[in-house]
Amino acid sequence: MAIMPYCRACGFDAGAQAIYEVTFRSDVLQDTSWFCDAHAKRARRLRHLTSTRAIEMMRADADRGFSGLLLRLRLSTGRAR
């Protein structure tokens, strides 16, 4: 039985939705993770980080309830996080 890829940010099963591969910075090996539609764009923006740090940031943003639009609005008004 094959294991289906899942989103590293939310755990969404790829069986019902498209899933995308994102390669992150790594000092030793290629650091690749899978993400659902909802998280792939944010993951690609954070690929200069390690996957662990990027996923921590994505989950922290989700816990605070920031959407992509809200993040852009906050950044454009000059308010610091």
Protein backbone atom coordinates (compact mmCIF):
# COMPACT_ATOMS: atom_id res chain seq x y z
CA MET A 1 0.00 0.00 0.00
CA ALA A 2 1.44 3.36 -1.06
CA ILE A 3 1.45 6.31 1.30
CA MET A 4 -0.20 9.39 -0.24
CA PRO A 5 1.62 12.73 0.08
CA TYR A 6 0.10 15.13 2.56
CA CYS A 7 0.40 18.82 3.33
CA ARG A 8 3.13 19.46 5.92
CA ALA A 9 1.31 22.56 7.15
CA CYS A 10 -2.20 21.18 7.69
CA GLY A 11 -1.99 17.43 7.02
CA PHE A 12 -4.59 17.54 4.22
CA ASP A 13 -4.66 14.26 2.30
CA ALA A 14 -3.69 14.62 -1.37
CA GLY A 15 -6.38 12.16 -2.43
CA ALA A 16 -9.01 14.92 -2.63
CA GLN A 17 -6.91 17.92 -3.64
CA ALA A 18 -3.84 18.84 -5.69
CA ILE A 19 -0.56 18.76 -3.82
CA TYR A 20 2.65 20.61 -4.68
CA GLU A 21 6.29 19.88 -3.98
CA VAL A 22 8.45 22.70 -2.56
CA THR A 23 12.21 22.43 -2.03
CA PHE A 24 13.67 24.39 0.87
CA ARG A 25 17.18 25.48 1.79
CA SER A 26 19.26 22.76 3.32
CA ASP A 27 22.92 22.48 4.26
CA VAL A 28 23.19 18.72 3.76
CA LEU A 29 20.44 17.11 1.68
CA GLN A 30 17.63 18.27 -0.54
CA ASP A 31 14.85 19.33 1.83
CA THR A 32 11.56 18.72 0.02
CA SER A 33 8.04 18.88 1.45
CA TRP A 34 4.51 18.66 0.04
CA PHE A 35 1.78 21.30 0.41
CA CYS A 36 -1.91 21.64 -0.47
CA ASP A 37 -3.32 24.46 -2.63
CA ALA A 38 -3.93 26.61 0.43
CA HIS A 39 -0.30 26.46 1.63
CA ALA A 40 1.83 25.98 -1.52
CA LYS A 41 2.14 29.68 -2.41
CA ARG A 42 3.23 30.66 1.12
CA ALA A 43 5.66 27.72 1.24
CA ARG A 44 7.27 28.83 -2.04
CA ARG A 45 7.78 32.31 -0.60
CA LEU A 46 9.56 30.78 2.40
CA ARG A 47 11.77 28.32 0.50
CA HIS A 48 14.88 30.33 1.41
CA LEU A 49 14.38 28.96 4.97
CA THR A 50 14.65 25.38 6.16
CA SER A 51 11.41 23.43 5.92
CA THR A 52 11.15 23.23 9.71
CA ARG A 53 11.40 27.02 10.13
CA ALA A 54 9.03 27.72 7.21
CA ILE A 55 6.37 25.37 8.58
CA GLU A 56 6.73 26.89 12.06
CA MET A 57 6.09 30.33 10.57
CA MET A 58 3.12 29.10 8.52
CA ARG A 59 1.52 27.47 11.56
CA ALA A 60 2.16 30.54 13.73
CA ASP A 61 0.47 32.74 11.11
CA ALA A 62 -2.48 30.34 10.99
CA ASP A 63 -2.77 30.37 14.79
CA ARG A 64 -2.94 34.17 14.75
CA GLY A 65 -5.53 34.05 11.99
CA PHE A 66 -3.52 35.98 9.40
CA SER A 67 -4.54 35.34 5.84
CA GLY A 68 -2.38 36.27 2.87
CA LEU A 69 -4.46 39.40 2.30
CA LEU A 70 -4.20 40.48 5.94
CA LEU A 71 -0.44 39.93 5.92
CA ARG A 72 -0.03 42.10 2.81
CA LEU A 73 -2.25 44.79 4.33
CA ARG A 74 -0.26 44.84 7.57
CA LEU A 75 3.04 44.99 5.68
CA SER A 76 1.85 47.77 3.39
CA THR A 77 0.79 49.95 6.34
CA GLY A 78 4.28 49.66 7.84
CA ARG A 79 3.22 47.97 11.06
CA ALA A 80 5.75 45.52 12.48
CA ARG A 81 4.77 42.04 13.46
